[in-house]
Amino acid sequence: MSRPNRSVCVYCGSRNGVLPAYVSDAQAVGALIADEGWRLVYGAGDIGLMGEVARTAQGAGAETFGVIPTHLEKREVGKRDLTTLVVTETMHERKKVMFMNSDVIVVLPGGAGSLDEFFEVLTWRQLGLHQRPIVLLDTAGYWQPLLALLDHVIAQGFAEAAMRDYITLAPDVPALARVLRAALS
């Protein structure tokens, strides 16, 4: 099977979080990916926001590319009915395969795993290893503390101010749609 023209990697929680807006935005992102004819690249879980994005995208006809390490297949309820499923040995391999099969990175609310994925692609961008857009979907202001931390890191001299230029903040799904259409056109 040939690789689709455009693939959106989505990092997000394996839990739903406390706000209903997290779930509704995850579903809206899945629908957006399908409506635009893009492929979803994600962590292959069928729980939490991951599952919401995937089930919605898949239900609307999107191609789905999931990557899960063997040790998380049970914990994250590995989704077996994807267009493509890759099972890796390690988390590092998972992140690499997801990244290598995507054109843009979108980060929805999530926990330590989502932060790990975000910081890895941000670091790679800072080091000049890629030019892919990195977009934070700021559902209900979720990412504001992270942005404040990044501003603090810059203010304290541990990163160049240009680091903030590597991140695009989308306050809602319509704004995310505009950013993705521009990036993937």
N, C-alpha and C. Protein backbone atom coordinates (compact mmCIF):
# COMPACT_ATOMS: atom_id res chain seq x y z
N MET A 1 0.85 -1.18 0.00
CA MET A 1 0.00 0.00 0.00
C MET A 1 0.89 1.24 0.00
N SER A 2 0.63 2.19 -0.87
CA SER A 2 1.43 3.40 -0.92
C SER A 2 1.01 4.36 0.18
N ARG A 3 1.96 5.20 0.58
CA ARG A 3 1.71 6.17 1.65
C ARG A 3 0.81 7.28 1.13
N PRO A 4 -0.21 7.66 1.90
CA PRO A 4 -1.09 8.75 1.47
C PRO A 4 -0.32 10.06 1.37
N ASN A 5 -0.90 11.02 0.67
CA ASN A 5 -0.24 12.30 0.51
C ASN A 5 0.01 13.01 1.83
N ARG A 6 -0.96 12.99 2.72
CA ARG A 6 -0.85 13.74 3.97
C ARG A 6 -1.26 12.89 5.16
N SER A 7 -0.43 12.93 6.20
CA SER A 7 -0.70 12.18 7.41
C SER A 7 -0.55 13.08 8.62
N VAL A 8 -1.52 12.99 9.52
CA VAL A 8 -1.55 13.79 10.73
C VAL A 8 -1.27 12.88 11.92
N CYS A 9 -0.17 13.12 12.61
CA CYS A 9 0.15 12.37 13.82
C CYS A 9 -0.53 13.07 14.98
N VAL A 10 -1.31 12.33 15.74
CA VAL A 10 -2.00 12.89 16.91
C VAL A 10 -1.46 12.23 18.16
N TYR A 11 -0.92 13.06 19.05
CA TYR A 11 -0.54 12.63 20.39
C TYR A 11 -1.63 13.10 21.33
N CYS A 12 -2.09 12.22 22.22
CA CYS A 12 -3.14 12.61 23.17
C CYS A 12 -3.25 11.56 24.25
N GLY A 13 -4.10 11.84 25.22
CA GLY A 13 -4.22 11.01 26.39
C GLY A 13 -4.83 9.64 26.15
N SER A 14 -4.40 8.70 26.97
CA SER A 14 -5.03 7.37 27.00
C SER A 14 -6.15 7.35 28.03
N ARG A 15 -6.47 8.52 28.52
CA ARG A 15 -7.63 8.73 29.40
C ARG A 15 -8.44 9.87 28.79
N ASN A 16 -9.69 10.01 29.25
CA ASN A 16 -10.56 11.07 28.72
C ASN A 16 -10.39 12.41 29.40
N GLY A 17 -9.79 12.45 30.58
CA GLY A 17 -9.70 13.70 31.31
C GLY A 17 -11.04 14.03 31.97
N VAL A 18 -11.10 15.18 32.65
CA VAL A 18 -12.29 15.52 33.43
C VAL A 18 -13.31 16.35 32.67
N LEU A 19 -12.90 17.04 31.63
CA LEU A 19 -13.83 17.91 30.90
C LEU A 19 -14.42 17.21 29.68
N PRO A 20 -15.73 17.29 29.50
CA PRO A 20 -16.34 16.73 28.28
C PRO A 20 -15.77 17.34 27.00
N ALA A 21 -15.27 18.55 27.08
CA ALA A 21 -14.69 19.21 25.89
C ALA A 21 -13.48 18.45 25.35
N TYR A 22 -12.74 17.76 26.22
CA TYR A 22 -11.60 16.98 25.74
C TYR A 22 -12.07 15.89 24.79
N VAL A 23 -13.12 15.19 25.17
CA VAL A 23 -13.66 14.11 24.34
C VAL A 23 -14.27 14.68 23.06
N SER A 24 -15.06 15.73 23.18
CA SER A 24 -15.71 16.27 21.98
C SER A 24 -14.68 16.83 21.00
N ASP A 25 -13.62 17.45 21.50
CA ASP A 25 -12.57 17.94 20.60
C ASP A 25 -11.82 16.78 19.96
N ALA A 26 -11.56 15.71 20.71
CA ALA A 26 -10.88 14.54 20.13
C ALA A 26 -11.72 13.96 19.00
N GLN A 27 -13.02 13.87 19.22
CA GLN A 27 -13.91 13.37 18.17
C GLN A 27 -13.92 14.31 16.97
N ALA A 28 -13.92 15.61 17.24
CA ALA A 28 -13.91 16.59 16.14
C ALA A 28 -12.61 16.51 15.34
N VAL A 29 -11.51 16.24 16.00
CA VAL A 29 -10.23 16.08 15.29
C VAL A 29 -10.28 14.84 14.40
N GLY A 30 -10.82 13.75 14.92
CA GLY A 30 -10.96 12.54 14.10
C GLY A 30 -11.83 12.79 12.89
N ALA A 31 -12.93 13.51 13.08
CA ALA A 31 -13.82 13.84 11.96
C ALA A 31 -13.12 14.74 10.95
N LEU A 32 -12.37 15.72 11.44
CA LEU A 32 -11.63 16.63 10.55
C LEU A 32 -10.65 15.86 9.68
N ILE A 33 -9.91 14.96 10.28
CA ILE A 33 -8.93 14.16 9.53
C ILE A 33 -9.62 13.38 8.42
N ALA A 34 -10.74 12.76 8.75
CA ALA A 34 -11.49 12.00 7.74
C ALA A 34 -12.06 12.91 6.67
N ASP A 35 -12.68 14.02 7.07
CA ASP A 35 -13.30 14.95 6.12
C ASP A 35 -12.30 15.50 5.11
N GLU A 36 -11.07 15.70 5.56
CA GLU A 36 -10.04 16.26 4.67
C GLU A 36 -9.32 15.20 3.84
N GLY A 37 -9.62 13.92 4.11
CA GLY A 37 -8.96 12.85 3.37
C GLY A 37 -7.55 12.57 3.82
N TRP A 38 -7.20 12.99 5.04
CA TRP A 38 -5.88 12.73 5.58
C TRP A 38 -5.86 11.38 6.30
N ARG A 39 -4.68 10.89 6.56
CA ARG A 39 -4.51 9.66 7.32
C ARG A 39 -4.17 10.00 8.77
N LEU A 40 -4.79 9.30 9.69
CA LEU A 40 -4.48 9.43 11.10
C LEU A 40 -3.32 8.52 11.45
N VAL A 41 -2.29 9.09 12.07
CA VAL A 41 -1.19 8.32 12.65
C VAL A 41 -1.28 8.55 14.15
N TYR A 42 -1.34 7.47 14.92
CA TYR A 42 -1.51 7.64 16.37
C TYR A 42 -1.02 6.39 17.10
N GLY A 43 -1.18 6.37 18.41
CA GLY A 43 -0.62 5.33 19.25
C GLY A 43 -1.34 4.00 19.31
N ALA A 44 -2.35 3.79 18.48
CA ALA A 44 -3.05 2.51 18.30
C ALA A 44 -3.89 2.06 19.48
N GLY A 45 -4.07 2.91 20.48
CA GLY A 45 -4.91 2.53 21.61
C GLY A 45 -6.38 2.74 21.30
N ASP A 46 -7.21 2.00 22.00
CA ASP A 46 -8.66 2.12 21.82
C ASP A 46 -9.31 2.64 23.10
N ILE A 47 -8.54 3.37 23.88
CA ILE A 47 -9.05 3.96 25.13
C ILE A 47 -8.74 5.44 25.16
N GLY A 48 -9.43 6.16 26.03
CA GLY A 48 -9.16 7.57 26.22
C GLY A 48 -9.36 8.39 24.97
N LEU A 49 -8.68 9.53 24.92
CA LEU A 49 -8.79 10.41 23.76
C LEU A 49 -8.25 9.74 22.51
N MET A 50 -7.23 8.89 22.68
CA MET A 50 -6.70 8.14 21.53
C MET A 50 -7.81 7.36 20.83
N GLY A 51 -8.54 6.64 21.61
CA GLY A 51 -9.63 5.83 21.06
C GLY A 51 -10.71 6.68 20.43
N GLU A 52 -11.02 7.83 21.05
CA GLU A 52 -12.04 8.73 20.50
C GLU A 52 -11.64 9.26 19.13
N VAL A 53 -10.39 9.72 19.01
CA VAL A 53 -9.91 10.23 17.72
C VAL A 53 -9.98 9.12 16.67
N ALA A 54 -9.45 7.96 17.02
CA ALA A 54 -9.37 6.86 16.05
C ALA A 54 -10.73 6.34 15.62
N ARG A 55 -11.61 6.08 16.58
CA ARG A 55 -12.93 5.55 16.23
C ARG A 55 -13.70 6.54 15.35
N THR A 56 -13.60 7.82 15.67
CA THR A 56 -14.31 8.83 14.88
C THR A 56 -13.72 8.92 13.48
N ALA A 57 -12.40 8.99 13.38
CA ALA A 57 -11.75 9.06 12.07
C ALA A 57 -12.08 7.83 11.24
N GLN A 58 -11.96 6.68 11.85
CA GLN A 58 -12.21 5.42 11.16
C GLN A 58 -13.68 5.32 10.74
N GLY A 59 -14.58 5.70 11.62
CA GLY A 59 -16.00 5.64 11.31
C GLY A 59 -16.40 6.56 10.18
N ALA A 60 -15.62 7.62 9.98
CA ALA A 60 -15.90 8.56 8.90
C ALA A 60 -15.09 8.25 7.63
N GLY A 61 -14.39 7.12 7.65
CA GLY A 61 -13.71 6.66 6.44
C GLY A 61 -12.24 6.98 6.32
N ALA A 62 -11.62 7.49 7.36
CA ALA A 62 -10.19 7.82 7.27
C ALA A 62 -9.33 6.57 7.32
N GLU A 63 -8.21 6.65 6.69
CA GLU A 63 -7.18 5.63 6.82
C GLU A 63 -6.54 5.83 8.19
N THR A 64 -6.26 4.73 8.89
CA THR A 64 -5.69 4.81 10.22
C THR A 64 -4.41 4.00 10.30
N PHE A 65 -3.39 4.60 10.88
CA PHE A 65 -2.07 3.99 11.02
C PHE A 65 -1.72 4.05 12.50
N GLY A 66 -1.77 2.91 13.17
CA GLY A 66 -1.51 2.86 14.61
C GLY A 66 -0.21 2.16 14.92
N VAL A 67 0.45 2.65 15.98
CA VAL A 67 1.74 2.08 16.39
C VAL A 67 1.70 1.87 17.90
N ILE A 68 1.92 0.64 18.32
CA ILE A 68 1.85 0.33 19.75
C ILE A 68 2.98 -0.62 20.13
N PRO A 69 3.63 -0.39 21.26
CA PRO A 69 4.63 -1.35 21.72
C PRO A 69 3.96 -2.55 22.38
N THR A 70 4.62 -3.68 22.34
CA THR A 70 4.04 -4.92 22.85
C THR A 70 3.59 -4.78 24.30
N HIS A 71 4.35 -4.07 25.10
CA HIS A 71 4.01 -3.99 26.53
C HIS A 71 2.77 -3.14 26.82
N LEU A 72 2.25 -2.42 25.82
CA LEU A 72 1.05 -1.62 26.03
C LEU A 72 -0.19 -2.17 25.33
N GLU A 73 -0.05 -3.28 24.63
CA GLU A 73 -1.19 -3.82 23.87
C GLU A 73 -2.40 -4.08 24.76
N LYS A 74 -2.20 -4.62 25.93
CA LYS A 74 -3.33 -4.87 26.84
C LYS A 74 -3.75 -3.61 27.57
N ARG A 75 -2.79 -2.86 28.08
CA ARG A 75 -3.09 -1.67 28.88
C ARG A 75 -3.85 -0.62 28.08
N GLU A 76 -3.44 -0.39 26.83
CA GLU A 76 -4.08 0.62 25.99
C GLU A 76 -5.12 0.01 25.05
N VAL A 77 -5.41 -1.27 25.22
CA VAL A 77 -6.40 -1.99 24.41
C VAL A 77 -6.10 -1.75 22.93
N GLY A 78 -4.97 -2.30 22.48
CA GLY A 78 -4.53 -2.12 21.10
C GLY A 78 -5.65 -2.36 20.10
N LYS A 79 -5.89 -1.40 19.26
CA LYS A 79 -6.98 -1.44 18.27
C LYS A 79 -6.52 -2.26 17.07
N ARG A 80 -7.18 -3.36 16.82
CA ARG A 80 -6.75 -4.32 15.79
C ARG A 80 -7.37 -4.08 14.42
N ASP A 81 -8.41 -3.26 14.32
CA ASP A 81 -9.10 -3.10 13.04
C ASP A 81 -8.66 -1.84 12.28
N LEU A 82 -7.42 -1.45 12.47
CA LEU A 82 -6.89 -0.27 11.79
C LEU A 82 -6.48 -0.61 10.36
N THR A 83 -6.32 0.41 9.53
CA THR A 83 -5.82 0.17 8.18
C THR A 83 -4.43 -0.45 8.25
N THR A 84 -3.59 0.11 9.12
CA THR A 84 -2.25 -0.41 9.33
C THR A 84 -1.98 -0.42 10.83
N LEU A 85 -1.48 -1.52 11.33
CA LEU A 85 -1.08 -1.63 12.73
C LEU A 85 0.37 -2.09 12.78
N VAL A 86 1.20 -1.33 13.48
CA VAL A 86 2.60 -1.68 13.67
C VAL A 86 2.81 -1.93 15.16
N VAL A 87 3.36 -3.08 15.50
CA VAL A 87 3.68 -3.40 16.89
C VAL A 87 5.19 -3.32 17.03
N THR A 88 5.63 -2.48 17.97
CA THR A 88 7.06 -2.28 18.19
C THR A 88 7.49 -2.93 19.50
N GLU A 89 8.79 -3.01 19.69
CA GLU A 89 9.33 -3.56 20.93
C GLU A 89 9.41 -2.49 22.02
N THR A 90 9.67 -1.23 21.65
CA THR A 90 9.91 -0.19 22.65
C THR A 90 9.09 1.06 22.37
N MET A 91 9.00 1.90 23.40
CA MET A 91 8.34 3.20 23.24
C MET A 91 9.11 4.08 22.26
N HIS A 92 10.43 4.02 22.32
CA HIS A 92 11.23 4.83 21.41
C HIS A 92 10.93 4.47 19.95
N GLU A 93 10.85 3.17 19.67
CA GLU A 93 10.50 2.74 18.31
C GLU A 93 9.11 3.24 17.92
N ARG A 94 8.18 3.18 18.85
CA ARG A 94 6.82 3.66 18.59
C ARG A 94 6.84 5.12 18.15
N LYS A 95 7.54 5.94 18.92
CA LYS A 95 7.58 7.37 18.60
C LYS A 95 8.26 7.63 17.27
N LYS A 96 9.32 6.88 16.99
CA LYS A 96 10.03 7.05 15.72
C LYS A 96 9.15 6.67 14.53
N VAL A 97 8.47 5.54 14.62
CA VAL A 97 7.61 5.09 13.52
C VAL A 97 6.46 6.08 13.30
N MET A 98 5.85 6.55 14.39
CA MET A 98 4.77 7.54 14.26
C MET A 98 5.30 8.80 13.57
N PHE A 99 6.43 9.30 14.04
CA PHE A 99 7.00 10.51 13.48
C PHE A 99 7.36 10.35 12.01
N MET A 100 8.00 9.25 11.67
CA MET A 100 8.46 9.03 10.29
C MET A 100 7.30 8.87 9.31
N ASN A 101 6.13 8.55 9.80
CA ASN A 101 4.97 8.35 8.94
C ASN A 101 3.98 9.51 8.99
N SER A 102 4.45 10.68 9.40
CA SER A 102 3.56 11.83 9.52
C SER A 102 4.15 13.06 8.85
N ASP A 103 3.24 13.99 8.54
CA ASP A 103 3.64 15.26 7.94
C ASP A 103 3.49 16.42 8.91
N VAL A 104 2.66 16.24 9.92
CA VAL A 104 2.40 17.29 10.91
C VAL A 104 2.07 16.59 12.22
N ILE A 105 2.40 17.26 13.33
CA ILE A 105 2.15 16.73 14.66
C ILE A 105 1.08 17.58 15.33
N VAL A 106 0.05 16.93 15.88
CA VAL A 106 -0.99 17.62 16.64
C VAL A 106 -1.02 17.01 18.03
N VAL A 107 -1.00 17.87 19.04
CA VAL A 107 -1.00 17.40 20.42
C VAL A 107 -2.28 17.87 21.10
N LEU A 108 -3.11 16.91 21.48
CA LEU A 108 -4.32 17.17 22.25
C LEU A 108 -3.98 17.02 23.73
N PRO A 109 -4.89 17.36 24.62
CA PRO A 109 -4.62 17.15 26.04
C PRO A 109 -4.21 15.70 26.32
N GLY A 110 -3.31 15.57 27.26
CA GLY A 110 -2.82 14.26 27.64
C GLY A 110 -1.90 14.37 28.83
N GLY A 111 -1.33 13.25 29.23
CA GLY A 111 -0.49 13.20 30.41
C GLY A 111 0.99 13.10 30.07
N ALA A 112 1.71 12.39 30.91
CA ALA A 112 3.16 12.30 30.78
C ALA A 112 3.58 11.73 29.43
N GLY A 113 2.85 10.75 28.91
CA GLY A 113 3.21 10.17 27.61
C GLY A 113 3.08 11.19 26.49
N SER A 114 2.01 11.95 26.52
CA SER A 114 1.81 12.99 25.49
C SER A 114 2.88 14.07 25.61
N LEU A 115 3.22 14.43 26.85
CA LEU A 115 4.29 15.42 27.06
C LEU A 115 5.62 14.89 26.57
N ASP A 116 5.90 13.62 26.81
CA ASP A 116 7.13 13.00 26.33
C ASP A 116 7.20 13.08 24.80
N GLU A 117 6.10 12.73 24.16
CA GLU A 117 6.06 12.78 22.69
C GLU A 117 6.24 14.22 22.19
N PHE A 118 5.56 15.16 22.82
CA PHE A 118 5.68 16.56 22.45
C PHE A 118 7.12 17.05 22.60
N PHE A 119 7.72 16.81 23.75
CA PHE A 119 9.07 17.33 23.98
C PHE A 119 10.10 16.67 23.07
N GLU A 120 9.88 15.42 22.71
CA GLU A 120 10.83 14.78 21.79
C GLU A 120 10.78 15.46 20.42
N VAL A 121 9.58 15.67 19.87
CA VAL A 121 9.52 16.29 18.54
C VAL A 121 9.93 17.76 18.61
N LEU A 122 9.65 18.44 19.73
CA LEU A 122 10.11 19.82 19.88
C LEU A 122 11.63 19.88 19.93
N THR A 123 12.24 18.98 20.68
CA THR A 123 13.70 18.93 20.75
C THR A 123 14.31 18.64 19.39
N TRP A 124 13.74 17.68 18.68
CA TRP A 124 14.25 17.37 17.33
C TRP A 124 14.15 18.60 16.42
N ARG A 125 13.07 19.33 16.54
CA ARG A 125 12.89 20.54 15.72
C ARG A 125 13.92 21.59 16.12
N GLN A 126 14.12 21.77 17.41
CA GLN A 126 15.09 22.74 17.91
C GLN A 126 16.50 22.40 17.42
N LEU A 127 16.79 21.12 17.29
CA LEU A 127 18.10 20.68 16.82
C LEU A 127 18.23 20.67 15.30
N GLY A 128 17.14 21.02 14.60
CA GLY A 128 17.18 21.07 13.15
C GLY A 128 17.01 19.72 12.48
N LEU A 129 16.47 18.74 13.19
CA LEU A 129 16.31 17.41 12.63
C LEU A 129 15.04 17.25 11.80
N HIS A 130 14.12 18.21 11.90
CA HIS A 130 12.92 18.20 11.07
C HIS A 130 12.34 19.60 11.00
N GLN A 131 11.38 19.76 10.08
CA GLN A 131 10.68 21.03 9.89
C GLN A 131 9.17 20.86 10.01
N ARG A 132 8.72 19.73 10.50
CA ARG A 132 7.28 19.48 10.59
C ARG A 132 6.61 20.46 11.55
N PRO A 133 5.42 20.91 11.20
CA PRO A 133 4.67 21.75 12.14
C PRO A 133 4.27 20.94 13.38
N ILE A 134 4.30 21.62 14.52
CA ILE A 134 3.86 21.04 15.80
C ILE A 134 2.74 21.94 16.30
N VAL A 135 1.54 21.38 16.44
CA VAL A 135 0.36 22.17 16.79
C VAL A 135 -0.23 21.65 18.09
N LEU A 136 -0.42 22.56 19.04
CA LEU A 136 -1.09 22.23 20.29
C LEU A 136 -2.55 22.64 20.19
N LEU A 137 -3.47 21.71 20.39
CA LEU A 137 -4.89 22.04 20.47
C LEU A 137 -5.19 22.40 21.92
N ASP A 138 -5.45 23.67 22.15
CA ASP A 138 -5.56 24.23 23.50
C ASP A 138 -6.98 24.16 24.04
N THR A 139 -7.56 22.99 24.05
CA THR A 139 -8.92 22.78 24.55
C THR A 139 -9.05 23.33 25.96
N ALA A 140 -9.96 24.27 26.16
CA ALA A 140 -10.25 24.85 27.48
C ALA A 140 -8.99 25.39 28.16
N GLY A 141 -8.03 25.87 27.34
CA GLY A 141 -6.80 26.44 27.90
C GLY A 141 -5.84 25.42 28.48
N TYR A 142 -6.00 24.15 28.09
CA TYR A 142 -5.21 23.07 28.68
C TYR A 142 -3.71 23.31 28.62
N TRP A 143 -3.21 23.85 27.53
CA TRP A 143 -1.76 23.98 27.34
C TRP A 143 -1.19 25.28 27.87
N GLN A 144 -1.98 26.15 28.48
CA GLN A 144 -1.45 27.42 28.97
C GLN A 144 -0.33 27.25 30.01
N PRO A 145 -0.43 26.32 30.96
CA PRO A 145 0.69 26.12 31.89
C PRO A 145 1.97 25.65 31.18
N LEU A 146 1.83 24.83 30.15
CA LEU A 146 3.00 24.39 29.40
C LEU A 146 3.66 25.57 28.69
N LEU A 147 2.85 26.42 28.08
CA LEU A 147 3.40 27.60 27.39
C LEU A 147 4.09 28.52 28.38
N ALA A 148 3.53 28.67 29.57
CA ALA A 148 4.17 29.49 30.61
C ALA A 148 5.52 28.88 31.00
N LEU A 149 5.58 27.56 31.10
CA LEU A 149 6.85 26.90 31.42
C LEU A 149 7.87 27.14 30.32
N LEU A 150 7.45 27.01 29.07
CA LEU A 150 8.38 27.24 27.96
C LEU A 150 8.87 28.69 27.96
N ASP A 151 7.99 29.64 28.25
CA ASP A 151 8.39 31.04 28.35
C ASP A 151 9.41 31.21 29.48
N HIS A 152 9.21 30.51 30.58
CA HIS A 152 10.14 30.56 31.71
C HIS A 152 11.51 29.99 31.31
N VAL A 153 11.50 28.87 30.61
CA VAL A 153 12.74 28.26 30.14
C VAL A 153 13.51 29.25 29.26
N ILE A 154 12.79 29.92 28.38
CA ILE A 154 13.42 30.92 27.50
C ILE A 154 13.93 32.10 28.32
N ALA A 155 13.10 32.62 29.22
CA ALA A 155 13.47 33.78 30.03
C ALA A 155 14.69 33.50 30.91
N GLN A 156 14.84 32.25 31.33
CA GLN A 156 15.97 31.88 32.18
C GLN A 156 17.22 31.51 31.37
N GLY A 157 17.15 31.65 30.05
CA GLY A 157 18.32 31.45 29.21
C GLY A 157 18.64 30.02 28.84
N PHE A 158 17.66 29.11 28.99
CA PHE A 158 17.92 27.71 28.65
C PHE A 158 17.45 27.33 27.25
N ALA A 159 16.86 28.26 26.54
CA ALA A 159 16.45 28.03 25.15
C ALA A 159 16.36 29.39 24.46
N GLU A 160 16.52 29.36 23.16
CA GLU A 160 16.35 30.57 22.35
C GLU A 160 14.87 30.91 22.24
N ALA A 161 14.57 32.17 22.08
CA ALA A 161 13.17 32.60 21.92
C ALA A 161 12.54 31.94 20.70
N ALA A 162 13.34 31.58 19.72
CA ALA A 162 12.83 30.93 18.51
C ALA A 162 12.14 29.61 18.80
N MET A 163 12.41 29.01 19.96
CA MET A 163 11.75 27.75 20.28
C MET A 163 10.23 27.89 20.23
N ARG A 164 9.71 29.02 20.67
CA ARG A 164 8.26 29.23 20.64
C ARG A 164 7.72 29.25 19.22
N ASP A 165 8.58 29.64 18.25
CA ASP A 165 8.15 29.68 16.85
C ASP A 165 7.93 28.29 16.27
N TYR A 166 8.43 27.27 16.94
CA TYR A 166 8.27 25.91 16.46
C TYR A 166 6.92 25.32 16.83
N ILE A 167 6.17 26.04 17.64
CA ILE A 167 4.88 25.56 18.15
C ILE A 167 3.79 26.50 17.68
N THR A 168 2.71 25.93 17.15
CA THR A 168 1.53 26.72 16.81
C THR A 168 0.43 26.34 17.80
N LEU A 169 -0.21 27.34 18.36
CA LEU A 169 -1.30 27.10 19.30
C LEU A 169 -2.62 27.29 18.57
N ALA A 170 -3.46 26.27 18.61
CA ALA A 170 -4.80 26.36 18.04
C ALA A 170 -5.77 26.37 19.21
N PRO A 171 -6.52 27.46 19.42
CA PRO A 171 -7.40 27.55 20.57
C PRO A 171 -8.62 26.63 20.49
N ASP A 172 -8.96 26.20 19.28
CA ASP A 172 -10.14 25.35 19.11
C ASP A 172 -9.99 24.56 17.81
N VAL A 173 -10.93 23.66 17.57
CA VAL A 173 -10.83 22.78 16.39
C VAL A 173 -10.95 23.56 15.08
N PRO A 174 -11.84 24.57 14.95
CA PRO A 174 -11.85 25.34 13.70
C PRO A 174 -10.49 26.01 13.41
N ALA A 175 -9.83 26.52 14.43
CA ALA A 175 -8.50 27.11 14.23
C ALA A 175 -7.50 26.03 13.85
N LEU A 176 -7.60 24.87 14.48
CA LEU A 176 -6.72 23.75 14.12
C LEU A 176 -6.92 23.38 12.66
N ALA A 177 -8.17 23.33 12.21
CA ALA A 177 -8.46 22.99 10.82
C ALA A 177 -7.77 23.97 9.87
N ARG A 178 -7.82 25.25 10.19
CA ARG A 178 -7.15 26.25 9.34
C ARG A 178 -5.64 26.05 9.32
N VAL A 179 -5.05 25.79 10.47
CA VAL A 179 -3.61 25.57 10.55
C VAL A 179 -3.22 24.34 9.74
N LEU A 180 -3.96 23.25 9.90
CA LEU A 180 -3.62 22.02 9.19
C LEU A 180 -3.82 22.15 7.69
N ARG A 181 -4.90 22.79 7.28
CA ARG A 181 -5.09 22.97 5.84
C ARG A 181 -3.96 23.77 5.23
N ALA A 182 -3.52 24.81 5.91
CA ALA A 182 -2.38 25.61 5.41
C ALA A 182 -1.11 24.79 5.37
N ALA A 183 -0.86 24.01 6.41
CA ALA A 183 0.37 23.22 6.49
C ALA A 183 0.40 22.07 5.50
N LEU A 184 -0.77 21.51 5.19
CA LEU A 184 -0.83 20.31 4.36
C LEU A 184 -1.25 20.57 2.93
N SER A 185 -1.40 21.84 2.57
CA SER A 185 -1.82 22.14 1.19
C SER A 185 -0.66 22.11 0.24
